Each structure stands twice: as C-alpha cells, then as structure tokens.
Amino acid sequence: MLRPVTTDSQLRQVDQLLQVAYQSPTRERELALYPAAQPGGLFAVFDHGEPVAAAGAFAYGAFCWLGLVGTHPGYAGQGLATRLSEHILDWSREHGCVCVALDASEKGRPVYERLGFQPAGEAVELVSDAGRRPASNPAGPAAPSPARGGSLADLLAFDRGVFGGDRAALLRAVAADDSRLYRQADGDRLAGYLFARGNVFGPGAARDAAAAAGLVSAALTQAPSPVSLIVPAGSAHLETLLGLGLRERRRLTHMRHGGPQLPGERQLLVAQTSFAAG
C-alpha cells in the first residue's frame, strides 16, 4: 500500500530502509525536513506495516524537487520506484508545479527516463579529505561570522531570486536545525549566505566569487573534517570551491520533467541543500 509517511515511528522505519537501500549512514536530518517544511511530501510503499520503498518531494512554487527514492533490495525489480515517482508527478501537479527536478544516480536514471525525465546538466558532490584542512581564502573579504536568530527576510528574498522558487519553509527548517548560518554583506545588501549543518554545507548562494570564497572559507574554519557539499555543475562558483581545496567525489545527472529549465539565477548557487531537496 502506498501512503504518506506521517508518524515519527514511520520516519525511523524509512531511515532504516534507506540505510539498507543506499548502503549509507542515517538520513535522519534529511528526513526531518519533510514534517517541518513539506508535511505530506514523503511517501512509502508498505508491506505488512513495514516500508519497503520510499520517495519524497518538496514543492517550490512553479517546480517540485523529487528525492530519497529507495527500495529495499528484497523488493527490487517490482517497479516500486516507478510507482512512487509516478505518484509524485501527480502530487506535484496537484500542488501547482509545472516541472519536477531531481538528481539521478546511474542506477536510477533509467527509471526516470522511462517516465519522461530529460537530462539537464549535472550535480557535483565536493568533499575534503579526512584530517586535511582545505585552503583558506586570504585574498577574499573579511570572513563572515556565524549568526543565529534574527530575521531571515532578506535571505529568503535573495534565495527566491537565485533558486527560482519559494523554499522559505525549507530554509526556516534548516535554520532551526542547529545550523550555523554565514552571511556575506556588500554594503547594506546581502551578497551571499551559507548554512553549515555539522560537516555538511548547504544550502547557500553568493552574488560573486569573492562572496562565495568568503562564506565557504569561514565555514571551513569551524567544520569538522571531512566536509561535503553539492553544487550544480553549471554554478559560477565551482572553480572557486575547487580552489579552496575541495575535490570532486562524484556527479549525478540532473533531470527534469515538464520543463526545459528552472527559473532563477541558479549559476549563483554555492551549495544545494542535498540531493533530496535541491
């Protein structure tokens, strides 16, 4: 039976499922964003009360982001990922979205192609080596300090213009998740921002390379190693990030359904929230 994931116990079950499906550590922090920012946006197929496949979506106005699609190995080959993705395509239309975007692994890409998704670039995961502190940015502006509390109004407006959709609920949930928030100013206006959640950076955006370098350098000085972040391959800041000592770990294919491009100025993104949330 396919239905929304609505309880804390179901969230824990989905986390356990995804750890098995992805052979990865816990996704607890990613999953916690759904009840906080997109209630009813996480779905699972249940068998005898246990989730055996899952997928989630965030609606950002004109477009939707699909992610965390995983199937228990014992249920592979039954079309559950396809079924969940089709359900989210319907869900996205009900929420007024005209386009669905995602970052697909090599294994998942054929599933989405059969549903009509088209490749539209790549997303790059960057990491630092464990125990090695990435380079600082001595030539950049004064390093911003992490800020807690206060108004997010200017940040939300800035993000809407860059990201191309309204993810205010998501950013507020990230801000409330014991995150460090770095801001870069250019006079009286915001030049960029970056959230750091432990050793995971994102979301973040910057108007120029100097702001991007200042934000990431400041975050690196306080982050436990190794660090990771995800950036669109088309970001104007990719070379800046590599110049700070981060290295490329892997690339996923960015795919879209229902629209050739997303709105906004996405070349200004410094870091995505995750593969699951964009």
C-alpha atoms as a PDB file:
ATOM      1  CA  MET A   1       0.000   0.000   0.000  1.00  0.00           C
ATOM      2  CA  LEU A   2       1.341   3.445  -0.968  1.00  0.00           C
ATOM      3  CA  ARG A   3       0.641   6.196   1.542  1.00  0.00           C
ATOM      4  CA  PRO A   4       2.228   9.274   3.142  1.00  0.00           C
ATOM      5  CA  VAL A   5       4.706   8.865   5.968  1.00  0.00           C
ATOM      6  CA  THR A   6       3.090  10.712   8.871  1.00  0.00           C
ATOM      7  CA  THR A   7       4.489   9.495  12.192  1.00  0.00           C
ATOM      8  CA  ASP A   8       7.866   9.619  13.923  1.00  0.00           C
ATOM      9  CA  SER A   9       7.998   5.824  14.030  1.00  0.00           C
ATOM     10  CA  GLN A  10       7.411   5.656  10.271  1.00  0.00           C
ATOM     11  CA  LEU A  11      10.186   8.210   9.720  1.00  0.00           C
ATOM     12  CA  ARG A  12      12.561   5.989  11.696  1.00  0.00           C
ATOM     13  CA  GLN A  13      11.464   2.982   9.647  1.00  0.00           C
ATOM     14  CA  VAL A  14      12.084   4.865   6.384  1.00  0.00           C
ATOM     15  CA  ASP A  15      15.507   5.901   7.663  1.00  0.00           C
ATOM     16  CA  GLN A  16      16.371   2.255   8.299  1.00  0.00           C
ATOM     17  CA  LEU A  17      15.048   1.336   4.860  1.00  0.00           C
ATOM     18  CA  LEU A  18      17.191   3.970   3.126  1.00  0.00           C
ATOM     19  CA  GLN A  19      20.299   2.907   5.016  1.00  0.00           C
ATOM     20  CA  VAL A  20      19.827  -0.585   3.609  1.00  0.00           C
ATOM     21  CA  ALA A  21      18.821   0.600   0.134  1.00  0.00           C
ATOM     22  CA  TYR A  22      21.715   3.064  -0.214  1.00  0.00           C
ATOM     23  CA  GLN A  23      24.238   1.234   1.966  1.00  0.00           C
ATOM     24  CA  SER A  24      24.790   4.573   3.671  1.00  0.00           C
ATOM     25  CA  PRO A  25      24.638   6.207   7.119  1.00  0.00           C
ATOM     26  CA  THR A  26      21.442   7.589   8.598  1.00  0.00           C
ATOM     27  CA  ARG A  27      19.345  10.115   6.674  1.00  0.00           C
ATOM     28  CA  GLU A  28      17.673  11.334   9.853  1.00  0.00           C
ATOM     29  CA  ARG A  29      18.383  15.041   9.298  1.00  0.00           C
ATOM     30  CA  GLU A  30      17.211  14.940   5.681  1.00  0.00           C
ATOM     31  CA  LEU A  31      14.040  13.094   6.612  1.00  0.00           C
ATOM     32  CA  ALA A  32      13.282  15.534   9.434  1.00  0.00           C
ATOM     33  CA  LEU A  33      12.906  18.314   6.861  1.00  0.00           C
ATOM     34  CA  TYR A  34       9.716  16.765   5.465  1.00  0.00           C
ATOM     35  CA  PRO A  35       7.424  17.166   8.501  1.00  0.00           C
ATOM     36  CA  ALA A  36       8.995  20.578   9.176  1.00  0.00           C
ATOM     37  CA  ALA A  37       8.892  22.026   5.651  1.00  0.00           C
ATOM     38  CA  GLN A  38       6.674  19.803   3.470  1.00  0.00           C
ATOM     39  CA  PRO A  39       4.152  17.814   5.539  1.00  0.00           C
ATOM     40  CA  GLY A  40       2.664  15.070   3.422  1.00  0.00           C
ATOM     41  CA  GLY A  41       5.572  15.174   0.963  1.00  0.00           C
ATOM     42  CA  LEU A  42       7.198  11.876   1.955  1.00  0.00           C
ATOM     43  CA  PHE A  43       5.666   8.622   0.718  1.00  0.00           C
ATOM     44  CA  ALA A  44       6.318   4.927   1.171  1.00  0.00           C
ATOM     45  CA  VAL A  45       5.045   1.598  -0.060  1.00  0.00           C
ATOM     46  CA  PHE A  46       4.244  -0.553   2.970  1.00  0.00           C
ATOM     47  CA  ASP A  47       4.153  -4.328   3.169  1.00  0.00           C
ATOM     48  CA  HIS A  48       2.765  -5.824   6.392  1.00  0.00           C
ATOM     49  CA  GLY A  49       3.227  -2.471   8.114  1.00  0.00           C
ATOM     50  CA  GLU A  50       6.866  -2.018   7.085  1.00  0.00           C
ATOM     51  CA  PRO A  51       8.065   0.473   4.435  1.00  0.00           C
ATOM     52  CA  VAL A  52       9.799  -1.333   1.581  1.00  0.00           C
ATOM     53  CA  ALA A  53      10.228   1.622  -0.804  1.00  0.00           C
ATOM     54  CA  ALA A  54      10.149   5.391  -0.296  1.00  0.00           C
ATOM     55  CA  ALA A  55      10.360   8.725  -2.091  1.00  0.00           C
ATOM     56  CA  GLY A  56       9.877  12.361  -1.134  1.00  0.00           C
ATOM     57  CA  ALA A  57       9.143  15.704  -2.757  1.00  0.00           C
ATOM     58  CA  PHE A  58       9.271  19.407  -1.949  1.00  0.00           C
ATOM     59  CA  ALA A  59       7.041  21.877  -3.822  1.00  0.00           C
ATOM     60  CA  TYR A  60       8.754  25.211  -4.502  1.00  0.00           C
ATOM     61  CA  GLY A  61       6.006  27.028  -6.343  1.00  0.00           C
ATOM     62  CA  ALA A  62       6.489  26.505 -10.071  1.00  0.00           C
ATOM     63  CA  PHE A  63       8.564  23.367  -9.651  1.00  0.00           C
ATOM     64  CA  CYS A  64       8.962  20.357  -7.403  1.00  0.00           C
ATOM     65  CA  TRP A  65      12.089  18.508  -6.271  1.00  0.00           C
ATOM     66  CA  LEU A  66      11.993  14.693  -6.100  1.00  0.00           C
ATOM     67  CA  GLY A  67      14.461  12.751  -3.980  1.00  0.00           C
ATOM     68  CA  LEU A  68      15.274   9.978  -1.498  1.00  0.00           C
ATOM     69  CA  VAL A  69      13.894   7.319  -3.831  1.00  0.00           C
ATOM     70  CA  GLY A  70      14.944   3.958  -2.428  1.00  0.00           C
ATOM     71  CA  THR A  71      13.780   0.347  -2.488  1.00  0.00           C
ATOM     72  CA  HIS A  72      14.678  -2.480  -0.136  1.00  0.00           C
ATOM     73  CA  PRO A  73      16.884  -4.979  -2.035  1.00  0.00           C
ATOM     74  CA  GLY A  74      14.407  -7.752  -1.269  1.00  0.00           C
ATOM     75  CA  TYR A  75      11.727  -5.878  -3.235  1.00  0.00           C
ATOM     76  CA  ALA A  76      13.862  -4.789  -6.186  1.00  0.00           C
ATOM     77  CA  GLY A  77      12.502  -5.335  -9.697  1.00  0.00           C
ATOM     78  CA  GLN A  78       8.860  -4.881  -8.717  1.00  0.00           C
ATOM     79  CA  GLY A  79       8.536  -1.358 -10.127  1.00  0.00           C
ATOM     80  CA  LEU A  80       8.109   0.312  -6.742  1.00  0.00           C
ATOM     81  CA  ALA A  81      10.426   3.231  -7.542  1.00  0.00           C
ATOM     82  CA  THR A  82       8.470   3.847 -10.744  1.00  0.00           C
ATOM     83  CA  ARG A  83       5.176   3.671  -8.882  1.00  0.00           C
ATOM     84  CA  LEU A  84       6.347   6.184  -6.266  1.00  0.00           C
ATOM     85  CA  SER A  85       7.782   8.545  -8.882  1.00  0.00           C
ATOM     86  CA  GLU A  86       4.531   8.470 -10.866  1.00  0.00           C
ATOM     87  CA  HIS A  87       2.642   9.236  -7.676  1.00  0.00           C
ATOM     88  CA  ILE A  88       4.856  12.256  -7.011  1.00  0.00           C
ATOM     89  CA  LEU A  89       4.386  13.507 -10.572  1.00  0.00           C
ATOM     90  CA  ASP A  90       0.639  13.523  -9.871  1.00  0.00           C
ATOM     91  CA  TRP A  91       1.227  15.090  -6.441  1.00  0.00           C
ATOM     92  CA  SER A  92       3.345  17.858  -7.970  1.00  0.00           C
ATOM     93  CA  ARG A  93       0.590  18.799 -10.425  1.00  0.00           C
ATOM     94  CA  GLU A  94      -1.899  18.949  -7.554  1.00  0.00           C
ATOM     95  CA  HIS A  95       0.469  21.430  -5.878  1.00  0.00           C
ATOM     96  CA  GLY A  96       0.604  23.666  -8.954  1.00  0.00           C
ATOM     97  CA  CYS A  97       4.071  22.602 -10.137  1.00  0.00           C
ATOM     98  CA  VAL A  98       4.716  22.519 -13.869  1.00  0.00           C
ATOM     99  CA  CYS A  99       8.180  20.947 -13.621  1.00  0.00           C
ATOM    100  CA  VAL A 100       9.777  18.224 -11.484  1.00  0.00           C
ATOM    101  CA  ALA A 101      13.540  18.211 -10.954  1.00  0.00           C
ATOM    102  CA  LEU A 102      15.880  15.631  -9.450  1.00  0.00           C
ATOM    103  CA  ASP A 103      19.476  14.434  -9.330  1.00  0.00           C
ATOM    104  CA  ALA A 104      19.665  10.837 -10.552  1.00  0.00           C
ATOM    105  CA  SER A 105      22.228   8.171  -9.821  1.00  0.00           C
ATOM    106  CA  GLU A 106      23.410   5.939 -12.646  1.00  0.00           C
ATOM    107  CA  LYS A 107      21.158   3.177 -11.313  1.00  0.00           C
ATOM    108  CA  GLY A 108      18.110   5.434 -11.028  1.00  0.00           C
ATOM    109  CA  ARG A 109      18.439   7.290 -14.314  1.00  0.00           C
ATOM    110  CA  PRO A 110      16.715   4.610 -16.493  1.00  0.00           C
ATOM    111  CA  VAL A 111      13.679   4.687 -14.183  1.00  0.00           C
ATOM    112  CA  TYR A 112      13.252   8.426 -14.686  1.00  0.00           C
ATOM    113  CA  GLU A 113      13.941   8.303 -18.413  1.00  0.00           C
ATOM    114  CA  ARG A 114      11.058   5.847 -18.826  1.00  0.00           C
ATOM    115  CA  LEU A 115       8.827   8.399 -17.086  1.00  0.00           C
ATOM    116  CA  GLY A 116       9.845  11.171 -19.479  1.00  0.00           C
ATOM    117  CA  PHE A 117      12.564  12.933 -17.474  1.00  0.00           C
ATOM    118  CA  GLN A 118      15.295  14.549 -19.574  1.00  0.00           C
ATOM    119  CA  PRO A 119      18.959  15.137 -18.629  1.00  0.00           C
ATOM    120  CA  ALA A 120      19.651  18.821 -17.926  1.00  0.00           C
ATOM    121  CA  GLY A 121      23.181  19.031 -16.556  1.00  0.00           C
ATOM    122  CA  GLU A 122      24.879  17.530 -13.526  1.00  0.00           C
ATOM    123  CA  ALA A 123      25.182  17.965  -9.776  1.00  0.00           C
ATOM    124  CA  VAL A 124      28.674  17.640  -8.295  1.00  0.00           C
ATOM    125  CA  GLU A 125      29.463  16.419  -4.793  1.00  0.00           C
ATOM    126  CA  LEU A 126      32.629  18.019  -3.400  1.00  0.00           C
ATOM    127  CA  VAL A 127      34.468  16.779  -0.315  1.00  0.00           C
ATOM    128  CA  SER A 128      37.571  17.455   1.718  1.00  0.00           C
ATOM    129  CA  ASP A 129      39.910  14.671   2.774  1.00  0.00           C
ATOM    130  CA  ALA A 130      39.569  13.485   6.372  1.00  0.00           C
ATOM    131  CA  GLY A 131      42.068  15.210   8.617  1.00  0.00           C
ATOM    132  CA  ARG A 132      43.127  17.698   5.932  1.00  0.00           C
ATOM    133  CA  ARG A 133      42.055  21.309   6.330  1.00  0.00           C
ATOM    134  CA  PRO A 134      41.128  22.856   2.958  1.00  0.00           C
ATOM    135  CA  ALA A 135      42.831  26.061   1.901  1.00  0.00           C
ATOM    136  CA  SER A 136      41.695  29.396   3.305  1.00  0.00           C
ATOM    137  CA  ASN A 137      40.868  32.461   1.253  1.00  0.00           C
ATOM    138  CA  PRO A 138      43.381  35.155   2.223  1.00  0.00           C
ATOM    139  CA  ALA A 139      42.539  37.319  -0.810  1.00  0.00           C
ATOM    140  CA  GLY A 140      38.807  37.416  -0.119  1.00  0.00           C
ATOM    141  CA  PRO A 141      36.729  39.764   2.025  1.00  0.00           C
ATOM    142  CA  ALA A 142      36.735  39.593   5.796  1.00  0.00           C
ATOM    143  CA  ALA A 143      35.371  36.242   6.876  1.00  0.00           C
ATOM    144  CA  PRO A 144      31.747  36.383   7.997  1.00  0.00           C
ATOM    145  CA  SER A 145      30.854  35.036  11.415  1.00  0.00           C
ATOM    146  CA  PRO A 146      28.063  32.548  12.003  1.00  0.00           C
ATOM    147  CA  ALA A 147      24.821  34.197  13.116  1.00  0.00           C
ATOM    148  CA  ARG A 148      21.894  32.704  14.982  1.00  0.00           C
ATOM    149  CA  GLY A 149      18.375  34.048  15.214  1.00  0.00           C
ATOM    150  CA  GLY A 150      17.289  37.338  13.733  1.00  0.00           C
ATOM    151  CA  SER A 151      15.222  37.993  10.659  1.00  0.00           C
ATOM    152  CA  LEU A 152      15.586  35.797   7.594  1.00  0.00           C
ATOM    153  CA  ALA A 153      13.535  38.134   5.386  1.00  0.00           C
ATOM    154  CA  ASP A 154      16.459  39.424   3.310  1.00  0.00           C
ATOM    155  CA  LEU A 155      17.898  35.927   2.955  1.00  0.00           C
ATOM    156  CA  LEU A 156      14.570  34.460   1.825  1.00  0.00           C
ATOM    157  CA  ALA A 157      14.116  37.178  -0.789  1.00  0.00           C
ATOM    158  CA  PHE A 158      17.670  36.701  -2.050  1.00  0.00           C
ATOM    159  CA  ASP A 159      17.234  32.937  -2.216  1.00  0.00           C
ATOM    160  CA  ARG A 160      13.976  33.171  -4.173  1.00  0.00           C
ATOM    161  CA  GLY A 161      15.733  35.159  -6.896  1.00  0.00           C
ATOM    162  CA  VAL A 162      18.623  32.733  -7.126  1.00  0.00           C
ATOM    163  CA  PHE A 163      16.900  29.386  -6.592  1.00  0.00           C
ATOM    164  CA  GLY A 164      13.898  30.325  -8.696  1.00  0.00           C
ATOM    165  CA  GLY A 165      11.309  29.033  -6.261  1.00  0.00           C
ATOM    166  CA  ASP A 166       9.944  29.727  -2.802  1.00  0.00           C
ATOM    167  CA  ARG A 167      11.681  27.467  -0.310  1.00  0.00           C
ATOM    168  CA  ALA A 168      11.085  29.672   2.727  1.00  0.00           C
ATOM    169  CA  ALA A 169       9.667  26.781   4.765  1.00  0.00           C
ATOM    170  CA  LEU A 170      12.712  24.641   3.983  1.00  0.00           C
ATOM    171  CA  LEU A 171      15.207  27.383   4.869  1.00  0.00           C
ATOM    172  CA  ARG A 172      13.434  28.084   8.143  1.00  0.00           C
ATOM    173  CA  ALA A 173      13.577  24.367   8.960  1.00  0.00           C
ATOM    174  CA  VAL A 174      17.302  24.261   8.161  1.00  0.00           C
ATOM    175  CA  ALA A 175      17.888  27.377  10.285  1.00  0.00           C
ATOM    176  CA  ALA A 176      16.131  25.688  13.212  1.00  0.00           C
ATOM    177  CA  ASP A 177      18.208  22.505  12.830  1.00  0.00           C
ATOM    178  CA  ASP A 178      21.184  23.600  14.966  1.00  0.00           C
ATOM    179  CA  SER A 179      22.831  25.021  11.850  1.00  0.00           C
ATOM    180  CA  ARG A 180      25.488  27.689  11.547  1.00  0.00           C
ATOM    181  CA  LEU A 181      24.389  30.472   9.206  1.00  0.00           C
ATOM    182  CA  TYR A 182      27.054  32.580   7.488  1.00  0.00           C
ATOM    183  CA  ARG A 183      26.162  35.864   5.787  1.00  0.00           C
ATOM    184  CA  GLN A 184      28.335  37.948   3.457  1.00  0.00           C
ATOM    185  CA  ALA A 185      27.459  41.626   3.138  1.00  0.00           C
ATOM    186  CA  ASP A 186      28.164  44.068   0.325  1.00  0.00           C
ATOM    187  CA  GLY A 187      27.469  47.415   1.932  1.00  0.00           C
ATOM    188  CA  ASP A 188      23.848  47.351   3.034  1.00  0.00           C
ATOM    189  CA  ARG A 189      22.799  44.438   0.873  1.00  0.00           C
ATOM    190  CA  LEU A 190      23.198  40.701   1.272  1.00  0.00           C
ATOM    191  CA  ALA A 191      25.917  39.328  -1.018  1.00  0.00           C
ATOM    192  CA  GLY A 192      25.513  35.708  -0.039  1.00  0.00           C
ATOM    193  CA  TYR A 193      24.699  33.166   2.627  1.00  0.00           C
ATOM    194  CA  LEU A 194      25.653  29.613   3.570  1.00  0.00           C
ATOM    195  CA  PHE A 195      24.247  27.132   6.074  1.00  0.00           C
ATOM    196  CA  ALA A 196      26.568  24.580   7.660  1.00  0.00           C
ATOM    197  CA  ARG A 197      25.000  21.582   9.356  1.00  0.00           C
ATOM    198  CA  GLY A 198      27.908  19.857  11.041  1.00  0.00           C
ATOM    199  CA  ASN A 199      30.295  18.940   8.237  1.00  0.00           C
ATOM    200  CA  VAL A 200      27.614  19.250   5.526  1.00  0.00           C
ATOM    201  CA  PHE A 201      27.369  22.635   3.815  1.00  0.00           C
ATOM    202  CA  GLY A 202      24.198  23.878   2.140  1.00  0.00           C
ATOM    203  CA  PRO A 203      22.059  25.489   1.056  1.00  0.00           C
ATOM    204  CA  GLY A 204      23.988  28.566   0.028  1.00  0.00           C
ATOM    205  CA  ALA A 205      24.271  31.195  -2.698  1.00  0.00           C
ATOM    206  CA  ALA A 206      26.519  34.150  -3.494  1.00  0.00           C
ATOM    207  CA  ARG A 207      26.436  37.098  -5.887  1.00  0.00           C
ATOM    208  CA  ASP A 208      30.115  36.764  -6.855  1.00  0.00           C
ATOM    209  CA  ALA A 209      33.248  34.655  -6.395  1.00  0.00           C
ATOM    210  CA  ALA A 210      34.595  36.795  -3.553  1.00  0.00           C
ATOM    211  CA  ALA A 211      31.429  36.316  -1.518  1.00  0.00           C
ATOM    212  CA  ALA A 212      31.373  32.584  -2.239  1.00  0.00           C
ATOM    213  CA  ALA A 213      35.007  32.182  -1.184  1.00  0.00           C
ATOM    214  CA  GLY A 214      34.478  34.219   1.980  1.00  0.00           C
ATOM    215  CA  LEU A 215      31.459  32.187   3.048  1.00  0.00           C
ATOM    216  CA  VAL A 216      32.966  28.767   2.395  1.00  0.00           C
ATOM    217  CA  SER A 217      36.347  29.687   3.911  1.00  0.00           C
ATOM    218  CA  ALA A 218      34.644  30.908   7.084  1.00  0.00           C
ATOM    219  CA  ALA A 219      32.551  27.737   7.335  1.00  0.00           C
ATOM    220  CA  LEU A 220      35.605  25.534   6.793  1.00  0.00           C
ATOM    221  CA  THR A 221      37.378  27.011   9.782  1.00  0.00           C
ATOM    222  CA  GLN A 222      34.654  25.722  12.126  1.00  0.00           C
ATOM    223  CA  ALA A 223      33.545  22.492  10.442  1.00  0.00           C
ATOM    224  CA  PRO A 224      34.664  19.027  11.493  1.00  0.00           C
ATOM    225  CA  SER A 225      36.544  17.204   8.750  1.00  0.00           C
ATOM    226  CA  PRO A 226      35.773  15.775   6.235  1.00  0.00           C
ATOM    227  CA  VAL A 227      33.424  18.350   4.707  1.00  0.00           C
ATOM    228  CA  SER A 228      30.933  17.750   1.888  1.00  0.00           C
ATOM    229  CA  LEU A 229      28.679  19.900  -0.272  1.00  0.00           C
ATOM    230  CA  ILE A 230      26.729  19.569  -3.514  1.00  0.00           C
ATOM    231  CA  VAL A 231      26.820  22.220  -6.234  1.00  0.00           C
ATOM    232  CA  PRO A 232      25.296  22.328  -9.727  1.00  0.00           C
ATOM    233  CA  ALA A 233      27.969  21.715 -12.359  1.00  0.00           C
ATOM    234  CA  GLY A 234      26.817  24.931 -14.019  1.00  0.00           C
ATOM    235  CA  SER A 235      27.487  27.038 -10.936  1.00  0.00           C
ATOM    236  CA  ALA A 236      29.776  30.008 -11.490  1.00  0.00           C
ATOM    237  CA  HIS A 237      31.391  29.130  -8.143  1.00  0.00           C
ATOM    238  CA  LEU A 238      32.562  25.581  -8.886  1.00  0.00           C
ATOM    239  CA  GLU A 239      36.148  26.616  -9.692  1.00  0.00           C
ATOM    240  CA  THR A 240      36.238  28.808  -6.579  1.00  0.00           C
ATOM    241  CA  LEU A 241      35.264  25.828  -4.431  1.00  0.00           C
ATOM    242  CA  LEU A 242      37.892  23.613  -6.034  1.00  0.00           C
ATOM    243  CA  GLY A 243      40.427  26.373  -5.447  1.00  0.00           C
ATOM    244  CA  LEU A 244      39.699  26.220  -1.711  1.00  0.00           C
ATOM    245  CA  GLY A 245      40.949  22.632  -1.603  1.00  0.00           C
ATOM    246  CA  LEU A 246      37.701  20.721  -2.045  1.00  0.00           C
ATOM    247  CA  ARG A 247      37.801  17.865  -4.541  1.00  0.00           C
ATOM    248  CA  GLU A 248      35.174  16.212  -6.689  1.00  0.00           C
ATOM    249  CA  ARG A 249      33.806  12.944  -5.337  1.00  0.00           C
ATOM    250  CA  ARG A 250      31.022  12.107  -7.779  1.00  0.00           C
ATOM    251  CA  ARG A 251      28.499  13.511 -10.230  1.00  0.00           C
ATOM    252  CA  LEU A 252      24.818  12.760 -10.602  1.00  0.00           C
ATOM    253  CA  THR A 253      22.708  13.543 -13.652  1.00  0.00           C
ATOM    254  CA  HIS A 254      20.325  16.438 -13.124  1.00  0.00           C
ATOM    255  CA  MET A 255      16.992  15.628 -14.784  1.00  0.00           C
ATOM    256  CA  ARG A 256      13.708  17.474 -15.324  1.00  0.00           C
ATOM    257  CA  HIS A 257      10.167  16.540 -16.271  1.00  0.00           C
ATOM    258  CA  GLY A 258       7.713  19.027 -17.743  1.00  0.00           C
ATOM    259  CA  GLY A 259      10.016  21.970 -18.375  1.00  0.00           C
ATOM    260  CA  PRO A 260      13.312  22.638 -20.167  1.00  0.00           C
ATOM    261  CA  GLN A 261      14.770  24.852 -17.453  1.00  0.00           C
ATOM    262  CA  LEU A 262      14.179  26.086 -13.938  1.00  0.00           C
ATOM    263  CA  PRO A 263      13.709  29.789 -13.161  1.00  0.00           C
ATOM    264  CA  GLY A 264      16.075  31.988 -11.183  1.00  0.00           C
ATOM    265  CA  GLU A 265      19.823  32.597 -11.342  1.00  0.00           C
ATOM    266  CA  ARG A 266      20.952  29.124 -10.390  1.00  0.00           C
ATOM    267  CA  GLN A 267      24.524  29.788 -11.512  1.00  0.00           C
ATOM    268  CA  LEU A 268      24.865  31.727  -8.249  1.00  0.00           C
ATOM    269  CA  LEU A 269      24.265  28.650  -6.070  1.00  0.00           C
ATOM    270  CA  VAL A 270      27.203  27.770  -3.818  1.00  0.00           C
ATOM    271  CA  ALA A 271      25.634  24.634  -2.359  1.00  0.00           C
ATOM    272  CA  GLN A 272      22.426  22.673  -2.646  1.00  0.00           C
ATOM    273  CA  THR A 273      20.579  21.565   0.479  1.00  0.00           C
ATOM    274  CA  SER A 274      21.015  17.914  -0.523  1.00  0.00           C
ATOM    275  CA  PHE A 275      20.372  15.612  -3.452  1.00  0.00           C
ATOM    276  CA  ALA A 276      16.905  15.116  -1.969  1.00  0.00           C
ATOM    277  CA  ALA A 277      15.799  18.732  -1.577  1.00  0.00           C
ATOM    278  CA  GLY A 278      17.714  20.722  -4.201  1.00  0.00           C
END
